[in-house]
Amino acid sequence: MTDAEWKDMASAPRDGTIFDVLCRSKDNVEIVVPGLKFAHAPMDKTRLILWGTTNFLSPYLTPLGWKPRGGV
């Protein structure tokens, strides 16, 4: 997988579209978190957070880029 496949997080869709996110851990390990979308934060409907099928993205992971599910 090349860096060119990942788009800047600022351009990630905020309409409920599900996408994959490339993240970096506090230990400097890069991982892909599949199946995230932007959704309203619990108890704060003015803020959007990255949300998965069971929970929100860990605060220990820093999102680096996104790409649509299934590639390109």
N, C-alpha and C. Protein backbone atom coordinates (compact mmCIF):
# COMPACT_ATOMS: atom_id res chain seq x y z
N MET A 1 0.84 -1.17 0.00
CA MET A 1 0.00 0.00 0.00
C MET A 1 0.89 1.24 0.00
N THR A 2 0.59 2.18 -0.85
CA THR A 2 1.41 3.38 -0.94
C THR A 2 0.71 4.55 -0.28
N ASP A 3 1.50 5.55 0.08
CA ASP A 3 0.93 6.76 0.68
C ASP A 3 -0.02 7.47 -0.27
N ALA A 4 0.20 7.29 -1.58
CA ALA A 4 -0.64 7.96 -2.58
C ALA A 4 -2.09 7.47 -2.52
N GLU A 5 -2.33 6.26 -2.00
CA GLU A 5 -3.68 5.73 -1.91
C GLU A 5 -4.49 6.39 -0.80
N TRP A 6 -3.83 6.98 0.17
CA TRP A 6 -4.50 7.58 1.32
C TRP A 6 -4.72 9.07 1.09
N LYS A 7 -5.92 9.53 1.36
CA LYS A 7 -6.27 10.94 1.20
C LYS A 7 -6.19 11.65 2.54
N ASP A 8 -6.02 12.96 2.49
CA ASP A 8 -5.94 13.78 3.70
C ASP A 8 -7.24 13.66 4.49
N MET A 9 -7.13 13.57 5.82
CA MET A 9 -8.30 13.42 6.68
C MET A 9 -9.28 14.59 6.54
N ALA A 10 -8.78 15.76 6.19
CA ALA A 10 -9.67 16.92 6.03
C ALA A 10 -10.70 16.70 4.92
N SER A 11 -10.39 15.81 3.97
CA SER A 11 -11.31 15.57 2.87
C SER A 11 -12.22 14.35 3.10
N ALA A 12 -12.13 13.71 4.26
CA ALA A 12 -12.96 12.53 4.55
C ALA A 12 -14.44 12.92 4.58
N PRO A 13 -15.31 12.08 4.04
CA PRO A 13 -16.74 12.41 4.00
C PRO A 13 -17.37 12.50 5.38
N ARG A 14 -18.25 13.46 5.52
CA ARG A 14 -18.95 13.66 6.79
C ARG A 14 -20.44 13.39 6.64
N ASP A 15 -20.78 12.51 5.71
CA ASP A 15 -22.18 12.23 5.41
C ASP A 15 -22.61 10.83 5.82
N GLY A 16 -21.83 10.16 6.66
CA GLY A 16 -22.17 8.82 7.09
C GLY A 16 -21.54 7.73 6.26
N THR A 17 -20.78 8.10 5.21
CA THR A 17 -20.08 7.14 4.37
C THR A 17 -19.03 6.41 5.20
N ILE A 18 -18.94 5.10 5.05
CA ILE A 18 -17.97 4.29 5.79
C ILE A 18 -16.68 4.18 4.97
N PHE A 19 -15.53 4.35 5.65
CA PHE A 19 -14.23 4.31 4.99
C PHE A 19 -13.19 3.71 5.92
N ASP A 20 -12.01 3.41 5.38
CA ASP A 20 -10.89 2.89 6.18
C ASP A 20 -9.96 4.04 6.54
N VAL A 21 -9.32 3.94 7.70
CA VAL A 21 -8.44 5.01 8.18
C VAL A 21 -7.07 4.44 8.53
N LEU A 22 -6.04 5.08 8.00
CA LEU A 22 -4.66 4.75 8.35
C LEU A 22 -4.31 5.55 9.60
N CYS A 23 -3.86 4.85 10.65
CA CYS A 23 -3.56 5.50 11.93
C CYS A 23 -2.14 5.19 12.38
N ARG A 24 -1.65 6.01 13.29
CA ARG A 24 -0.36 5.77 13.95
C ARG A 24 -0.61 5.70 15.44
N SER A 25 -0.04 4.67 16.07
CA SER A 25 -0.20 4.51 17.52
C SER A 25 0.83 5.37 18.25
N LYS A 26 0.67 5.45 19.56
CA LYS A 26 1.62 6.20 20.39
C LYS A 26 3.02 5.57 20.33
N ASP A 27 3.07 4.26 19.94
CA ASP A 27 4.36 3.56 19.79
C ASP A 27 4.92 3.68 18.39
N ASN A 28 4.31 4.56 17.56
CA ASN A 28 4.76 4.84 16.20
C ASN A 28 4.54 3.66 15.25
N VAL A 29 3.51 2.86 15.50
CA VAL A 29 3.15 1.74 14.64
C VAL A 29 1.96 2.17 13.79
N GLU A 30 2.06 1.98 12.45
CA GLU A 30 0.95 2.32 11.58
C GLU A 30 0.03 1.12 11.41
N ILE A 31 -1.27 1.36 11.55
CA ILE A 31 -2.27 0.32 11.37
C ILE A 31 -3.44 0.88 10.57
N VAL A 32 -4.21 -0.01 9.96
CA VAL A 32 -5.42 0.39 9.25
C VAL A 32 -6.61 -0.01 10.10
N VAL A 33 -7.48 0.96 10.35
CA VAL A 33 -8.72 0.71 11.09
C VAL A 33 -9.84 0.71 10.05
N PRO A 34 -10.44 -0.47 9.80
CA PRO A 34 -11.48 -0.54 8.77
C PRO A 34 -12.86 -0.12 9.29
N GLY A 35 -13.67 0.35 8.37
CA GLY A 35 -15.09 0.57 8.67
C GLY A 35 -15.42 1.70 9.61
N LEU A 36 -14.79 2.85 9.46
CA LEU A 36 -15.13 4.01 10.28
C LEU A 36 -15.97 5.00 9.50
N LYS A 37 -16.64 5.88 10.22
CA LYS A 37 -17.38 6.99 9.61
C LYS A 37 -17.39 8.14 10.61
N PHE A 38 -17.65 9.34 10.12
CA PHE A 38 -17.83 10.47 11.02
C PHE A 38 -19.27 10.45 11.53
N ALA A 39 -19.43 10.60 12.83
CA ALA A 39 -20.74 10.64 13.46
C ALA A 39 -20.69 11.61 14.63
N HIS A 40 -21.86 12.02 15.09
CA HIS A 40 -21.91 12.93 16.23
C HIS A 40 -21.38 12.25 17.49
N ALA A 41 -20.64 12.99 18.27
CA ALA A 41 -20.09 12.47 19.52
C ALA A 41 -21.23 12.25 20.51
N PRO A 42 -21.14 11.18 21.32
CA PRO A 42 -22.16 10.98 22.35
C PRO A 42 -22.16 12.18 23.31
N MET A 43 -23.31 12.64 23.66
CA MET A 43 -23.47 13.74 24.61
C MET A 43 -22.99 15.10 24.08
N ASP A 44 -22.56 15.18 22.82
CA ASP A 44 -22.11 16.46 22.25
C ASP A 44 -22.42 16.46 20.76
N LYS A 45 -23.64 16.78 20.41
CA LYS A 45 -24.08 16.71 19.02
C LYS A 45 -23.50 17.81 18.14
N THR A 46 -22.68 18.69 18.71
CA THR A 46 -22.04 19.75 17.93
C THR A 46 -20.69 19.30 17.37
N ARG A 47 -20.23 18.10 17.78
CA ARG A 47 -18.90 17.63 17.41
C ARG A 47 -19.00 16.29 16.68
N LEU A 48 -18.19 16.15 15.59
CA LEU A 48 -18.12 14.88 14.87
C LEU A 48 -16.85 14.14 15.28
N ILE A 49 -16.98 12.82 15.45
CA ILE A 49 -15.83 11.98 15.76
C ILE A 49 -15.83 10.78 14.82
N LEU A 50 -14.67 10.11 14.73
CA LEU A 50 -14.60 8.88 13.95
C LEU A 50 -15.21 7.75 14.75
N TRP A 51 -16.20 7.08 14.17
CA TRP A 51 -16.98 6.07 14.88
C TRP A 51 -16.97 4.78 14.09
N GLY A 52 -16.82 3.65 14.78
CA GLY A 52 -16.83 2.34 14.13
C GLY A 52 -18.11 1.60 14.41
N THR A 53 -18.13 0.31 14.10
CA THR A 53 -19.35 -0.48 14.27
C THR A 53 -19.66 -0.73 15.74
N THR A 54 -18.65 -0.69 16.61
CA THR A 54 -18.92 -0.95 18.02
C THR A 54 -18.50 0.18 18.94
N ASN A 55 -17.65 1.08 18.49
CA ASN A 55 -17.15 2.13 19.37
C ASN A 55 -16.44 3.20 18.55
N PHE A 56 -16.07 4.28 19.21
CA PHE A 56 -15.33 5.35 18.54
C PHE A 56 -13.84 5.03 18.47
N LEU A 57 -13.12 5.72 17.61
CA LEU A 57 -11.69 5.50 17.43
C LEU A 57 -10.93 5.79 18.72
N SER A 58 -10.03 4.92 19.07
CA SER A 58 -9.24 5.06 20.30
C SER A 58 -8.48 6.38 20.33
N PRO A 59 -8.45 7.05 21.47
CA PRO A 59 -7.68 8.30 21.59
C PRO A 59 -6.17 8.04 21.50
N TYR A 60 -5.77 6.77 21.51
CA TYR A 60 -4.34 6.43 21.41
C TYR A 60 -3.89 6.27 19.97
N LEU A 61 -4.80 6.42 19.02
CA LEU A 61 -4.46 6.33 17.60
C LEU A 61 -4.66 7.69 16.95
N THR A 62 -3.69 8.11 16.15
CA THR A 62 -3.79 9.36 15.42
C THR A 62 -4.12 9.07 13.96
N PRO A 63 -5.26 9.55 13.46
CA PRO A 63 -5.61 9.33 12.06
C PRO A 63 -4.64 10.06 11.13
N LEU A 64 -4.14 9.35 10.11
CA LEU A 64 -3.20 9.94 9.15
C LEU A 64 -3.84 10.17 7.79
N GLY A 65 -4.74 9.29 7.39
CA GLY A 65 -5.35 9.40 6.07
C GLY A 65 -6.52 8.44 5.96
N TRP A 66 -7.30 8.58 4.89
CA TRP A 66 -8.47 7.74 4.69
C TRP A 66 -8.54 7.31 3.25
N LYS A 67 -9.30 6.24 3.00
CA LYS A 67 -9.62 5.83 1.64
C LYS A 67 -10.96 5.10 1.66
N PRO A 68 -11.66 5.12 0.55
CA PRO A 68 -12.96 4.44 0.49
C PRO A 68 -12.79 2.94 0.76
N ARG A 69 -13.83 2.32 1.27
CA ARG A 69 -13.82 0.87 1.48
C ARG A 69 -13.60 0.19 0.15
N GLY A 70 -12.73 -0.79 0.10
CA GLY A 70 -12.51 -1.54 -1.13
C GLY A 70 -11.47 -0.94 -2.05
N GLY A 71 -10.75 0.08 -1.63
CA GLY A 71 -9.63 0.58 -2.43
C GLY A 71 -9.79 1.97 -2.96
N VAL A 72 -8.87 2.28 -3.87
CA VAL A 72 -8.71 3.55 -4.55
C VAL A 72 -9.30 4.64 -3.74
